[in-house]
Amino acid sequence: MHKNILMKRLTGFFFLLITFLNACKMNTTEADLLIYNGTIYTANNHSGIAGAMYIKSGKIVAIGKLRELEKNFTAKRKIDLKGKYVYPGFYDAHCHFYGYGLNQLTGANLAGTKSFDEVIERVREHHRQHPSYWIQGRGWDQNDWQTKTFPDKSILDSLFPGQPVALRRIDGHALLVNQKALDLAHIDRHTKIPGGEILLKDGKPNGILVDNAMEKVLALIPPPDTNTIREALLLAQKDCFAAGLCSVADAGLEYPVLQQIESLQQEQQLKMRIYAMLSPSQENIEHYVKKGPYTTDRLTVRSIKLYSDGALGSRGAKLKQDYSDRAGTNGLLIHNADYFRRMGKLAIEHGYQVNTHAIGDSANYMLLHIYGELLHGKNDKRWRIEHAQVIDSADFELFGKYSIIPSVQPTHATSDMYWAGERLGKQRLRYAYAYRRLLEQNGYIALGTDFPIEDINPLYTFYAAVARKDLNGYPERGFQKENALSRQDALRGMTIWAAKAAFEENRKGSLETGKAADFVVLDKDIMHIAEDEIPQTTVLFTFVNGEKVFAKNEREKP
């Protein structure tokens, strides 16, 4: 009898226990994916670190300590990080995503050449493998050669007398062409182009065209067809995902390219998130600007990209005083002040951001004051100066006064440091590439690479911002180290601050509940390893919207 009573009580207890456990299970949320057993840097306002993250329908639904989260969540799939390190998907705040892919399809890669002879050899080899009427290439930089003067067209004339040749300097602000291209563009010793320069030798064009002078030749090159545009976009995406990039701000896109971006995204082939800065063409203004900001899950169109001057390497950057290494030359303004006022008013009328390329201290001075005229003090329009390389000491405060965002590329500093002092002189150099001082103006700064001008790797951005050294560890104490960024600020600059500079901080840029599940898994902890180890860090996996889009070893399943 006592046994029967005991059995009834035990049965009742187990029934209640099962009911309780089932009720608990019913109260949990089933996620698609659990990431756990690693170090997750959230890059949120508190710079928090988590150990686990639940993802559902491409969004983060919970992040924190696994033991606490698993009380309320289950997951269909789990990924054991095995002690590896997770960061928000890297965001390149200024690059040429489409141009990067197109360059690989249509021209010779001249980056890293150590002499003009090497340039010629690469051009000849590319033309042998990919014959075409227009011979193109990009990436040469005379500052990397033993003879640091601009080349001329004489060798190109002898090799390609009947075909036009157009070879862009690495910064995109100077073009070397042959006589055939000059003839087609009707450029001779009498040609004058506002905002451009045609270099002469013995009174005749020597083949070097700077800034606006390039346009007469570039306008003659047939535009790529639809298939080439699509192939270029997908090629660029592949390399970006391999580098840990989940978002890019493409600085200067045209309507036909944007149409293909949308088409590929709708077909779910292009999964990269793109912040499009529009070239100020009439087609873009009619199709986009006048209709107001345009946003989808993976494409944002709400900014206009303008150019105020050229580049320092080709002496097109507009300076207040002459170049230290060329008396009588202080650079070029590509447009006058009234043009920028007109474009700024158009942007304000239609709710668009203005992002203007400005390298020299004179160009920055002009843009900062024109922005100030239109913005009237503190604001949330988030207009940007792209590059902000050389700033007069008295002008830094204008960034804060008018809430202007500095959008900079740290690897420019470590690429230019060998010769920037020759261009600027010691005094001006002190206020060049001054990222720490720029950060202090508004409390945040956007970081990018400007690829393909610099390497696509965002870890090089992080390293250059923190160490202020090249990949060989030079200089030993860093280049103007007083303007280095902390690791926390460098990470923010290429994640949450890059997103904020594009009005996207509530959607992505940090790993927080409700935001997109865009993240990258690295094999090393870039927040604590020795500085010289940072460039050797490897991207193991890249996820966009909770989907794995890159794996270092495809056979390895995270």
Protein backbone atom coordinates (compact mmCIF):
# COMPACT_ATOMS: atom_id res chain seq x y z
CA MET A 1 0.00 0.00 0.00
CA HIS A 2 2.75 2.40 0.95
CA LYS A 3 4.50 1.46 -2.30
CA ASN A 4 1.42 2.34 -4.31
CA ILE A 5 1.17 5.75 -2.63
CA LEU A 6 4.87 6.38 -3.28
CA MET A 7 4.54 5.38 -6.92
CA LYS A 8 1.55 7.70 -7.37
CA ARG A 9 3.47 10.58 -5.81
CA LEU A 10 6.52 9.92 -7.99
CA THR A 11 4.37 9.71 -11.08
CA GLY A 12 2.74 13.00 -10.20
CA PHE A 13 6.11 14.60 -9.58
CA PHE A 14 7.50 13.47 -12.92
CA PHE A 15 4.34 14.62 -14.67
CA LEU A 16 4.71 18.08 -13.15
CA LEU A 17 8.42 18.13 -14.01
CA ILE A 18 7.77 17.22 -17.63
CA THR A 19 4.99 19.80 -17.82
CA PHE A 20 7.35 22.43 -16.36
CA LEU A 21 10.15 21.55 -18.79
CA ASN A 22 7.78 21.60 -21.75
CA ALA A 23 6.48 24.97 -20.62
CA CYS A 24 10.04 26.26 -20.38
CA LYS A 25 10.75 24.93 -23.85
CA MET A 26 7.63 26.59 -25.22
CA ASN A 27 8.80 29.92 -23.79
CA THR A 28 12.18 29.81 -25.57
CA THR A 29 12.84 31.36 -28.96
CA GLU A 30 14.31 29.18 -31.68
CA ALA A 31 17.04 31.02 -33.60
CA ASP A 32 18.59 29.99 -36.89
CA LEU A 33 22.18 30.14 -35.66
CA LEU A 34 24.19 30.26 -32.46
CA ILE A 35 27.76 31.56 -32.44
CA TYR A 36 29.61 30.65 -29.24
CA ASN A 37 32.90 29.78 -27.52
CA GLY A 38 34.85 32.76 -28.79
CA THR A 39 35.59 36.42 -28.12
CA ILE A 40 33.00 38.67 -29.76
CA TYR A 41 33.91 42.35 -29.97
CA THR A 42 30.61 44.20 -30.28
CA ALA A 43 31.97 47.72 -31.06
CA ASN A 44 28.92 49.14 -29.30
CA ASN A 45 28.98 52.33 -27.25
CA HIS A 46 30.39 50.44 -24.28
CA SER A 47 32.97 48.49 -26.31
CA GLY A 48 31.47 45.34 -24.84
CA ILE A 49 32.74 41.81 -25.32
CA ALA A 50 30.36 38.86 -25.59
CA GLY A 51 30.76 35.11 -25.69
CA ALA A 52 27.71 34.09 -27.69
CA MET A 53 25.31 35.44 -30.28
CA TYR A 54 21.95 34.15 -31.52
CA ILE A 55 20.84 35.01 -35.07
CA LYS A 56 17.39 34.74 -36.63
CA SER A 57 16.28 35.84 -40.11
CA GLY A 58 19.58 37.64 -40.70
CA LYS A 59 19.36 39.72 -37.50
CA ILE A 60 20.98 39.43 -34.10
CA VAL A 61 18.27 38.46 -31.58
CA ALA A 62 20.50 38.06 -28.53
CA ILE A 63 24.13 38.58 -27.60
CA GLY A 64 25.95 38.12 -24.32
CA LYS A 65 27.00 35.22 -22.08
CA LEU A 66 25.99 31.79 -23.36
CA ARG A 67 24.84 30.52 -19.98
CA GLU A 68 22.37 33.36 -19.63
CA LEU A 69 21.19 33.40 -23.25
CA GLU A 70 20.46 29.68 -23.53
CA LYS A 71 17.76 30.02 -20.89
CA ASN A 72 15.64 31.80 -23.46
CA PHE A 73 17.01 30.65 -26.82
CA THR A 74 17.65 27.51 -28.79
CA ALA A 75 19.21 27.25 -32.24
CA LYS A 76 18.79 25.07 -35.30
CA ARG A 77 22.51 25.33 -36.02
CA LYS A 78 25.49 26.01 -33.80
CA ILE A 79 29.00 27.22 -34.60
CA ASP A 80 31.75 26.59 -32.09
CA LEU A 81 34.32 29.35 -32.61
CA LYS A 82 36.98 27.29 -30.85
CA GLY A 83 38.43 30.34 -29.18
CA LYS A 84 38.61 32.53 -32.29
CA TYR A 85 37.76 36.25 -32.52
CA VAL A 86 34.67 37.92 -33.95
CA TYR A 87 34.30 41.56 -35.05
CA PRO A 88 31.50 43.45 -36.75
CA GLY A 89 31.72 43.11 -40.52
CA PHE A 90 34.31 45.62 -41.67
CA TYR A 91 33.01 48.70 -43.46
CA ASP A 92 35.21 50.54 -45.98
CA ALA A 93 34.01 54.15 -45.71
CA HIS A 94 35.64 55.26 -48.96
CA CYS A 95 36.58 53.01 -51.86
CA HIS A 96 35.93 52.40 -55.53
CA PHE A 97 34.25 49.00 -55.39
CA TYR A 98 33.02 48.89 -58.97
CA GLY A 99 36.18 50.53 -60.32
CA TYR A 100 38.28 47.91 -58.56
CA GLY A 101 36.51 45.11 -60.37
CA LEU A 102 36.45 46.93 -63.71
CA ASN A 103 40.18 47.67 -63.60
CA GLN A 104 40.92 43.97 -63.34
CA LEU A 105 38.80 43.24 -66.41
CA THR A 106 39.74 46.04 -68.78
CA GLY A 107 43.32 47.16 -68.12
CA ALA A 108 46.83 46.27 -67.07
CA ASN A 109 47.53 46.32 -63.34
CA LEU A 110 50.44 48.74 -62.93
CA ALA A 111 50.43 48.93 -59.12
CA GLY A 112 53.76 48.23 -57.45
CA THR A 113 55.86 48.84 -60.55
CA LYS A 114 59.38 49.95 -59.65
CA SER A 115 60.27 51.63 -62.95
CA PHE A 116 58.70 52.91 -66.13
CA ASP A 117 60.32 49.98 -67.96
CA GLU A 118 58.27 47.65 -65.78
CA VAL A 119 55.13 49.63 -66.61
CA ILE A 120 55.81 49.20 -70.32
CA GLU A 121 56.41 45.47 -69.93
CA ARG A 122 53.14 44.96 -68.03
CA VAL A 123 51.22 46.94 -70.64
CA ARG A 124 52.73 44.91 -73.49
CA GLU A 125 52.02 41.62 -71.75
CA HIS A 126 48.43 42.59 -70.94
CA HIS A 127 47.86 43.64 -74.54
CA ARG A 128 49.27 40.33 -75.80
CA GLN A 129 46.82 38.41 -73.63
CA HIS A 130 43.85 40.80 -74.01
CA PRO A 131 44.14 42.62 -77.34
CA SER A 132 41.85 45.63 -77.78
CA TYR A 133 41.78 48.91 -79.67
CA TRP A 134 42.03 51.08 -76.54
CA ILE A 135 45.00 50.01 -74.42
CA GLN A 136 44.38 50.80 -70.76
CA GLY A 137 46.06 50.39 -67.39
CA ARG A 138 46.18 51.86 -63.93
CA GLY A 139 48.40 51.98 -60.88
CA TRP A 140 51.77 53.51 -61.84
CA ASP A 141 53.40 55.84 -59.32
CA GLN A 142 56.58 57.68 -60.27
CA ASN A 143 57.31 58.30 -56.59
CA ASP A 144 58.17 54.58 -56.29
CA TRP A 145 60.75 54.73 -59.07
CA GLN A 146 64.41 55.65 -58.88
CA THR A 147 63.68 58.44 -61.35
CA LYS A 148 60.76 60.24 -59.70
CA THR A 149 59.75 62.50 -62.56
CA PHE A 150 56.64 61.97 -64.66
CA PRO A 151 57.21 59.68 -67.66
CA ASP A 152 56.42 60.84 -71.19
CA LYS A 153 54.73 59.27 -74.21
CA SER A 154 57.74 58.61 -76.44
CA ILE A 155 58.00 54.85 -75.82
CA LEU A 156 54.24 54.42 -76.11
CA ASP A 157 54.31 56.26 -79.43
CA SER A 158 56.91 53.88 -80.82
CA LEU A 159 55.18 50.72 -79.55
CA PHE A 160 51.57 51.65 -80.33
CA PRO A 161 51.56 54.29 -83.09
CA GLY A 162 48.09 53.36 -84.39
CA GLN A 163 46.26 52.57 -81.14
CA PRO A 164 45.30 54.94 -78.33
CA VAL A 165 46.89 54.26 -74.93
CA ALA A 166 45.59 55.61 -71.59
CA LEU A 167 47.42 54.69 -68.38
CA ARG A 168 46.08 56.21 -65.14
CA ARG A 169 48.33 57.08 -62.24
CA ILE A 170 47.54 55.20 -59.04
CA ASP A 171 45.64 58.14 -57.54
CA GLY A 172 43.45 58.47 -60.64
CA HIS A 173 44.36 62.16 -61.02
CA ALA A 174 46.96 61.92 -63.78
CA LEU A 175 46.87 60.10 -67.09
CA LEU A 176 49.70 59.10 -69.41
CA VAL A 177 48.54 58.87 -73.03
CA ASN A 178 50.24 58.44 -76.38
CA GLN A 179 50.04 60.69 -79.44
CA LYS A 180 47.19 58.68 -80.97
CA ALA A 181 45.02 59.40 -77.89
CA LEU A 182 45.98 63.08 -77.97
CA ASP A 183 45.03 63.30 -81.64
CA LEU A 184 41.66 61.62 -81.07
CA ALA A 185 40.95 64.05 -78.21
CA HIS A 186 42.15 67.06 -80.26
CA ILE A 187 44.68 68.04 -77.60
CA ASP A 188 47.65 70.09 -78.72
CA ARG A 189 49.98 72.81 -77.41
CA HIS A 190 47.19 75.40 -77.57
CA THR A 191 44.61 73.42 -75.59
CA LYS A 192 43.60 74.97 -72.28
CA ILE A 193 41.30 73.20 -69.81
CA PRO A 194 40.09 74.87 -66.57
CA GLY A 195 40.96 72.73 -63.56
CA GLY A 196 43.36 70.66 -65.60
CA GLU A 197 46.97 70.69 -66.76
CA ILE A 198 48.56 69.48 -69.98
CA LEU A 199 52.29 69.02 -69.43
CA LEU A 200 54.58 70.13 -72.23
CA LYS A 201 57.99 69.08 -73.48
CA ASP A 202 59.76 71.22 -76.06
CA GLY A 203 56.53 73.15 -76.39
CA LYS A 204 54.35 70.10 -77.18
CA PRO A 205 52.17 67.84 -74.98
CA ASN A 206 54.38 65.15 -73.45
CA GLY A 207 51.49 62.77 -72.74
CA ILE A 208 50.76 63.66 -69.11
CA LEU A 209 47.27 65.03 -68.43
CA VAL A 210 46.31 66.08 -64.90
CA ASP A 211 42.79 66.19 -63.41
CA ASN A 212 40.20 67.85 -65.72
CA ALA A 213 42.56 67.55 -68.70
CA MET A 214 42.08 63.78 -68.56
CA GLU A 215 38.37 64.00 -69.35
CA LYS A 216 38.83 64.76 -73.07
CA VAL A 217 40.54 61.36 -73.47
CA LEU A 218 38.47 59.36 -70.97
CA ALA A 219 35.26 60.49 -72.65
CA LEU A 220 36.36 58.71 -75.83
CA ILE A 221 36.84 55.28 -74.25
CA PRO A 222 33.74 53.13 -74.94
CA PRO A 223 31.77 52.40 -71.76
CA PRO A 224 31.63 48.79 -70.56
CA ASP A 225 28.63 46.73 -71.58
CA THR A 226 26.13 45.28 -69.11
CA ASN A 227 27.86 41.92 -68.84
CA THR A 228 31.18 43.58 -68.04
CA ILE A 229 29.58 45.76 -65.36
CA ARG A 230 27.98 42.73 -63.72
CA GLU A 231 31.18 40.70 -63.88
CA ALA A 232 33.16 43.58 -62.35
CA LEU A 233 30.73 43.92 -59.44
CA LEU A 234 30.80 40.21 -58.64
CA LEU A 235 34.58 40.06 -58.94
CA ALA A 236 34.92 42.96 -56.49
CA GLN A 237 32.49 41.32 -54.09
CA LYS A 238 34.52 38.10 -54.04
CA ASP A 239 37.71 39.91 -53.02
CA CYS A 240 35.91 42.09 -50.47
CA PHE A 241 34.35 39.13 -48.69
CA ALA A 242 37.75 37.43 -48.57
CA ALA A 243 39.10 40.56 -46.87
CA GLY A 244 36.33 40.63 -44.25
CA LEU A 245 34.44 43.54 -45.81
CA CYS A 246 30.65 43.36 -45.51
CA SER A 247 29.87 46.98 -46.44
CA VAL A 248 31.49 49.51 -48.75
CA ALA A 249 30.92 53.16 -49.59
CA ASP A 250 31.58 53.43 -53.32
CA ALA A 251 32.79 56.95 -54.06
CA GLY A 252 31.29 57.99 -57.37
CA LEU A 253 28.78 55.74 -59.16
CA GLU A 254 26.78 56.32 -62.33
CA TYR A 255 23.17 55.35 -63.04
CA PRO A 256 23.88 52.32 -65.34
CA VAL A 257 26.11 50.76 -62.66
CA LEU A 258 23.54 51.39 -59.93
CA GLN A 259 20.92 49.67 -62.06
CA GLN A 260 23.08 46.56 -62.28
CA ILE A 261 23.83 46.69 -58.55
CA GLU A 262 20.11 46.60 -57.86
CA SER A 263 19.51 43.87 -60.41
CA LEU A 264 22.23 41.63 -58.98
CA GLN A 265 21.04 42.24 -55.44
CA GLN A 266 17.48 41.35 -56.36
CA GLU A 267 18.81 38.17 -57.98
CA GLN A 268 20.63 37.50 -54.68
CA GLN A 269 23.96 37.31 -56.49
CA LEU A 270 25.35 40.56 -55.09
CA LYS A 271 25.17 40.28 -51.31
CA MET A 272 27.58 43.10 -50.51
CA ARG A 273 26.01 46.09 -48.75
CA ILE A 274 26.75 49.25 -50.74
CA TYR A 275 26.50 52.90 -49.76
CA ALA A 276 26.48 54.69 -53.10
CA MET A 277 27.98 58.14 -53.48
CA LEU A 278 26.54 59.50 -56.71
CA SER A 279 28.61 61.17 -59.36
CA PRO A 280 26.92 64.55 -60.00
CA SER A 281 25.74 63.68 -63.52
CA GLN A 282 22.40 64.98 -64.72
CA GLU A 283 21.21 61.39 -65.14
CA ASN A 284 21.92 60.68 -61.46
CA ILE A 285 20.31 63.92 -60.35
CA GLU A 286 17.10 63.16 -62.27
CA HIS A 287 16.85 59.47 -61.36
CA TYR A 288 17.96 59.68 -57.73
CA VAL A 289 18.68 63.07 -56.15
CA LYS A 290 15.41 64.78 -57.08
CA LYS A 291 13.47 61.76 -55.79
CA GLY A 292 15.09 61.89 -52.37
CA PRO A 293 17.15 59.27 -50.46
CA TYR A 294 16.69 55.69 -51.60
CA THR A 295 17.27 52.69 -49.34
CA THR A 296 16.88 48.93 -49.65
CA ASP A 297 18.25 46.23 -47.36
CA ARG A 298 21.63 46.24 -49.13
CA LEU A 299 21.77 49.52 -51.05
CA THR A 300 21.64 53.10 -49.81
CA VAL A 301 21.67 56.09 -52.18
CA ARG A 302 21.68 59.44 -50.37
CA SER A 303 24.96 61.22 -51.06
CA ILE A 304 26.64 63.19 -53.85
CA LYS A 305 30.38 62.78 -54.44
CA LEU A 306 32.23 65.93 -55.55
CA TYR A 307 35.88 66.77 -56.31
CA SER A 308 37.50 70.01 -55.23
CA ASP A 309 41.15 69.36 -56.17
CA GLY A 310 43.58 66.73 -57.37
CA ALA A 311 46.10 64.55 -55.53
CA LEU A 312 49.33 65.30 -53.71
CA GLY A 313 51.36 62.71 -55.63
CA SER A 314 50.62 64.38 -58.98
CA ARG A 315 50.86 67.90 -57.47
CA GLY A 316 47.20 68.54 -58.21
CA ALA A 317 46.18 69.00 -54.58
CA LYS A 318 45.37 72.69 -54.07
CA LEU A 319 47.66 74.28 -51.48
CA LYS A 320 47.61 77.74 -49.90
CA GLN A 321 51.30 78.15 -50.73
CA ASP A 322 53.47 76.69 -53.49
CA TYR A 323 54.71 73.12 -53.40
CA SER A 324 58.02 72.93 -51.56
CA ASP A 325 59.54 70.91 -54.41
CA ARG A 326 58.16 73.01 -57.29
CA ALA A 327 58.09 76.79 -57.00
CA GLY A 328 55.28 78.50 -58.90
CA THR A 329 52.93 75.51 -58.56
CA ASN A 330 50.23 75.22 -55.89
CA GLY A 331 47.82 72.71 -57.45
CA LEU A 332 44.44 72.83 -59.14
CA LEU A 333 40.84 73.56 -58.20
CA ILE A 334 38.60 71.31 -60.26
CA HIS A 335 35.51 73.52 -59.73
CA ASN A 336 34.97 77.02 -58.45
CA ALA A 337 33.24 77.95 -55.20
CA ASP A 338 29.89 78.74 -56.84
CA TYR A 339 29.69 75.18 -58.18
CA PHE A 340 29.97 73.74 -54.67
CA ARG A 341 27.40 76.20 -53.32
CA ARG A 342 24.99 75.20 -56.06
CA MET A 343 25.48 71.49 -55.49
CA GLY A 344 25.20 71.95 -51.72
CA LYS A 345 21.86 73.73 -52.06
CA LEU A 346 20.60 70.95 -54.35
CA ALA A 347 21.58 68.37 -51.72
CA ILE A 348 19.85 70.26 -48.90
CA GLU A 349 16.68 70.63 -50.96
CA HIS A 350 16.43 66.88 -51.53
CA GLY A 351 17.84 65.53 -48.25
CA TYR A 352 21.17 64.37 -49.62
CA GLN A 353 24.58 64.24 -48.00
CA VAL A 354 27.56 65.95 -49.69
CA ASN A 355 30.90 64.09 -49.69
CA THR A 356 33.71 66.11 -51.25
CA HIS A 357 37.24 65.05 -52.14
CA ALA A 358 39.66 67.60 -50.66
CA ILE A 359 43.40 66.94 -50.31
CA GLY A 360 45.24 70.28 -50.09
CA ASP A 361 44.89 72.84 -47.29
CA SER A 362 43.47 75.43 -49.69
CA ALA A 363 40.82 73.03 -51.01
CA ASN A 364 39.90 71.99 -47.48
CA TYR A 365 39.68 75.64 -46.39
CA MET A 366 37.32 76.45 -49.27
CA LEU A 367 35.06 73.43 -48.67
CA LEU A 368 34.93 73.86 -44.89
CA HIS A 369 33.80 77.47 -45.30
CA ILE A 370 31.27 76.70 -48.05
CA TYR A 371 29.86 73.85 -45.98
CA GLY A 372 29.67 76.27 -43.05
CA GLU A 373 27.72 78.83 -45.10
CA LEU A 374 25.12 76.21 -45.96
CA LEU A 375 24.98 74.22 -42.71
CA HIS A 376 24.80 77.13 -40.22
CA GLY A 377 26.55 75.61 -37.22
CA LYS A 378 25.93 72.26 -35.52
CA ASN A 379 23.66 69.92 -37.49
CA ASP A 380 22.95 66.28 -38.35
CA LYS A 381 23.35 66.42 -42.12
CA ARG A 382 26.66 64.56 -41.78
CA TRP A 383 28.38 66.19 -44.74
CA ARG A 384 31.85 64.79 -45.25
CA ILE A 385 35.30 65.79 -46.40
CA GLU A 386 36.83 62.81 -48.18
CA HIS A 387 40.58 62.41 -47.47
CA ALA A 388 41.12 65.67 -45.51
CA GLN A 389 44.84 65.11 -45.95
CA VAL A 390 46.41 68.54 -45.46
CA ILE A 391 44.67 70.95 -43.08
CA ASP A 392 45.85 74.37 -41.99
CA SER A 393 46.25 74.38 -38.21
CA ALA A 394 43.63 77.14 -37.88
CA ASP A 395 41.02 75.17 -39.85
CA PHE A 396 40.68 71.98 -37.81
CA GLU A 397 38.04 73.50 -35.55
CA LEU A 398 35.71 74.01 -38.52
CA PHE A 399 35.05 70.27 -38.65
CA GLY A 400 33.55 70.44 -35.17
CA LYS A 401 31.91 73.83 -35.61
CA TYR A 402 29.84 72.61 -38.57
CA SER A 403 29.60 68.88 -37.66
CA ILE A 404 31.64 67.92 -40.74
CA ILE A 405 32.83 64.31 -40.83
CA PRO A 406 36.45 63.62 -41.79
CA SER A 407 36.54 60.47 -43.95
CA VAL A 408 40.17 59.35 -44.13
CA GLN A 409 42.33 56.49 -45.37
CA PRO A 410 45.17 55.62 -42.97
CA THR A 411 47.20 53.72 -45.56
CA HIS A 412 47.50 56.95 -47.55
CA ALA A 413 49.66 58.25 -44.72
CA THR A 414 52.00 55.27 -44.78
CA SER A 415 52.16 55.26 -48.59
CA ASP A 416 52.85 58.99 -48.89
CA MET A 417 55.19 59.45 -45.92
CA TYR A 418 58.34 58.80 -47.97
CA TRP A 419 57.82 61.85 -50.21
CA ALA A 420 55.04 63.96 -48.61
CA GLY A 421 57.62 66.04 -46.78
CA GLU A 422 59.24 66.99 -50.09
CA ARG A 423 55.89 68.23 -51.42
CA LEU A 424 54.77 70.05 -48.27
CA GLY A 425 57.84 71.01 -46.26
CA LYS A 426 58.31 70.30 -42.57
CA GLN A 427 55.80 72.84 -41.22
CA ARG A 428 52.82 71.82 -43.38
CA LEU A 429 53.59 68.13 -42.93
CA ARG A 430 52.86 68.50 -39.20
CA TYR A 431 49.18 69.08 -40.05
CA ALA A 432 48.88 66.38 -42.70
CA TYR A 433 47.28 62.96 -42.09
CA ALA A 434 46.35 64.25 -38.61
CA TYR A 435 43.78 61.60 -37.76
CA ARG A 436 43.85 61.97 -34.00
CA ARG A 437 43.28 65.71 -34.22
CA LEU A 438 40.48 65.19 -36.75
CA LEU A 439 38.85 62.59 -34.50
CA GLU A 440 38.76 65.08 -31.64
CA GLN A 441 36.59 67.54 -33.59
CA ASN A 442 33.34 65.52 -33.52
CA GLY A 443 34.29 62.48 -31.48
CA TYR A 444 34.25 60.10 -34.43
CA ILE A 445 35.98 59.52 -37.75
CA ALA A 446 35.28 57.28 -40.75
CA LEU A 447 38.07 55.03 -42.06
CA GLY A 448 38.52 53.48 -45.50
CA THR A 449 41.18 52.41 -47.96
CA ASP A 450 40.34 54.17 -51.27
CA PHE A 451 41.00 50.84 -52.99
CA PRO A 452 42.19 50.18 -55.66
CA ILE A 453 44.47 53.15 -54.94
CA GLU A 454 45.52 51.33 -51.77
CA ASP A 455 45.29 47.65 -50.87
CA ILE A 456 41.78 46.31 -50.28
CA ASN A 457 42.70 44.74 -46.92
CA PRO A 458 40.95 46.54 -43.99
CA LEU A 459 43.45 45.05 -41.55
CA TYR A 460 46.09 47.21 -43.23
CA THR A 461 43.83 50.19 -42.48
CA PHE A 462 43.71 49.15 -38.83
CA TYR A 463 47.48 48.66 -38.68
CA ALA A 464 48.31 51.97 -40.38
CA ALA A 465 45.90 53.86 -38.10
CA VAL A 466 47.35 52.33 -34.94
CA ALA A 467 51.05 51.82 -35.75
CA ARG A 468 51.55 54.50 -38.45
CA LYS A 469 54.04 52.17 -40.14
CA ASP A 470 54.35 50.46 -43.50
CA LEU A 471 54.19 46.67 -43.85
CA ASN A 472 57.95 46.47 -43.31
CA GLY A 473 57.63 48.12 -39.90
CA TYR A 474 59.03 51.47 -41.08
CA PRO A 475 59.58 53.91 -39.47
CA GLU A 476 60.53 52.22 -36.22
CA ARG A 477 58.70 54.75 -34.03
CA GLY A 478 55.85 55.37 -36.45
CA PHE A 479 55.12 58.28 -38.79
CA GLN A 480 53.94 61.28 -36.75
CA LYS A 481 52.79 58.86 -34.06
CA GLU A 482 51.05 61.63 -32.14
CA ASN A 483 48.22 61.26 -34.64
CA ALA A 484 47.84 57.49 -34.32
CA LEU A 485 44.46 56.14 -33.25
CA SER A 486 43.84 53.77 -30.38
CA ARG A 487 42.81 50.24 -31.30
CA GLN A 488 39.30 50.86 -30.00
CA ASP A 489 38.95 53.99 -32.15
CA ALA A 490 40.45 52.31 -35.21
CA LEU A 491 37.95 49.45 -34.88
CA ARG A 492 35.07 51.89 -34.47
CA GLY A 493 36.30 53.88 -37.49
CA MET A 494 35.95 50.85 -39.75
CA THR A 495 32.70 49.56 -38.24
CA ILE A 496 30.19 51.66 -36.27
CA TRP A 497 31.62 55.10 -37.15
CA ALA A 498 31.78 54.21 -40.84
CA ALA A 499 28.11 53.22 -40.56
CA LYS A 500 27.28 56.45 -38.74
CA ALA A 501 28.97 58.47 -41.48
CA ALA A 502 26.42 56.88 -43.84
CA PHE A 503 23.34 57.21 -41.58
CA GLU A 504 23.37 53.44 -41.05
CA GLU A 505 24.41 53.09 -37.41
CA ASN A 506 20.98 51.80 -36.36
CA ARG A 507 21.12 48.98 -38.90
CA LYS A 508 24.71 47.76 -38.78
CA GLY A 509 28.27 48.59 -37.72
CA SER A 510 28.13 46.91 -34.32
CA LEU A 511 26.98 43.54 -33.01
CA GLU A 512 23.84 44.38 -31.06
CA THR A 513 20.31 43.03 -30.77
CA GLY A 514 18.20 44.04 -33.74
CA LYS A 515 21.10 44.79 -36.09
CA ALA A 516 22.21 42.89 -39.17
CA ALA A 517 24.24 39.77 -38.46
CA ASP A 518 27.28 40.93 -40.44
CA PHE A 519 30.51 39.74 -38.85
CA VAL A 520 34.00 38.48 -39.53
CA VAL A 521 35.98 35.75 -37.75
CA LEU A 522 39.75 36.31 -37.40
CA ASP A 523 42.44 33.91 -36.26
CA LYS A 524 44.08 36.53 -34.01
CA ASP A 525 42.92 39.13 -31.52
CA ILE A 526 43.85 42.40 -33.23
CA MET A 527 42.90 44.31 -30.09
CA HIS A 528 45.78 42.80 -28.09
CA ILE A 529 48.40 41.13 -30.29
CA ALA A 530 51.71 42.87 -31.00
CA GLU A 531 51.41 45.61 -33.63
CA ASP A 532 53.64 43.83 -36.12
CA GLU A 533 51.34 40.78 -36.06
CA ILE A 534 48.27 42.72 -37.19
CA PRO A 535 48.99 42.65 -40.96
CA GLN A 536 49.51 38.87 -40.81
CA THR A 537 46.09 38.27 -39.25
CA THR A 538 43.88 35.99 -41.35
CA VAL A 539 40.18 36.27 -42.13
CA LEU A 540 38.73 32.82 -41.48
CA PHE A 541 35.06 33.48 -42.20
CA THR A 542 32.84 36.35 -43.33
CA PHE A 543 29.08 36.40 -42.68
CA VAL A 544 26.50 38.77 -44.16
CA ASN A 545 22.95 38.64 -42.83
CA GLY A 546 23.88 35.52 -40.92
CA GLU A 547 24.96 33.76 -44.13
CA LYS A 548 28.52 32.53 -44.62
CA VAL A 549 29.81 34.30 -47.73
CA PHE A 550 33.50 33.46 -47.35
CA ALA A 551 35.56 30.70 -45.73
CA LYS A 552 39.36 30.61 -45.83
CA ASN A 553 39.19 26.85 -46.22
CA GLU A 554 35.95 25.88 -47.94
CA ARG A 555 36.24 22.33 -46.61
CA GLU A 556 36.26 23.59 -43.05
CA LYS A 557 32.79 23.96 -41.59
CA PRO A 558 32.60 26.53 -38.80
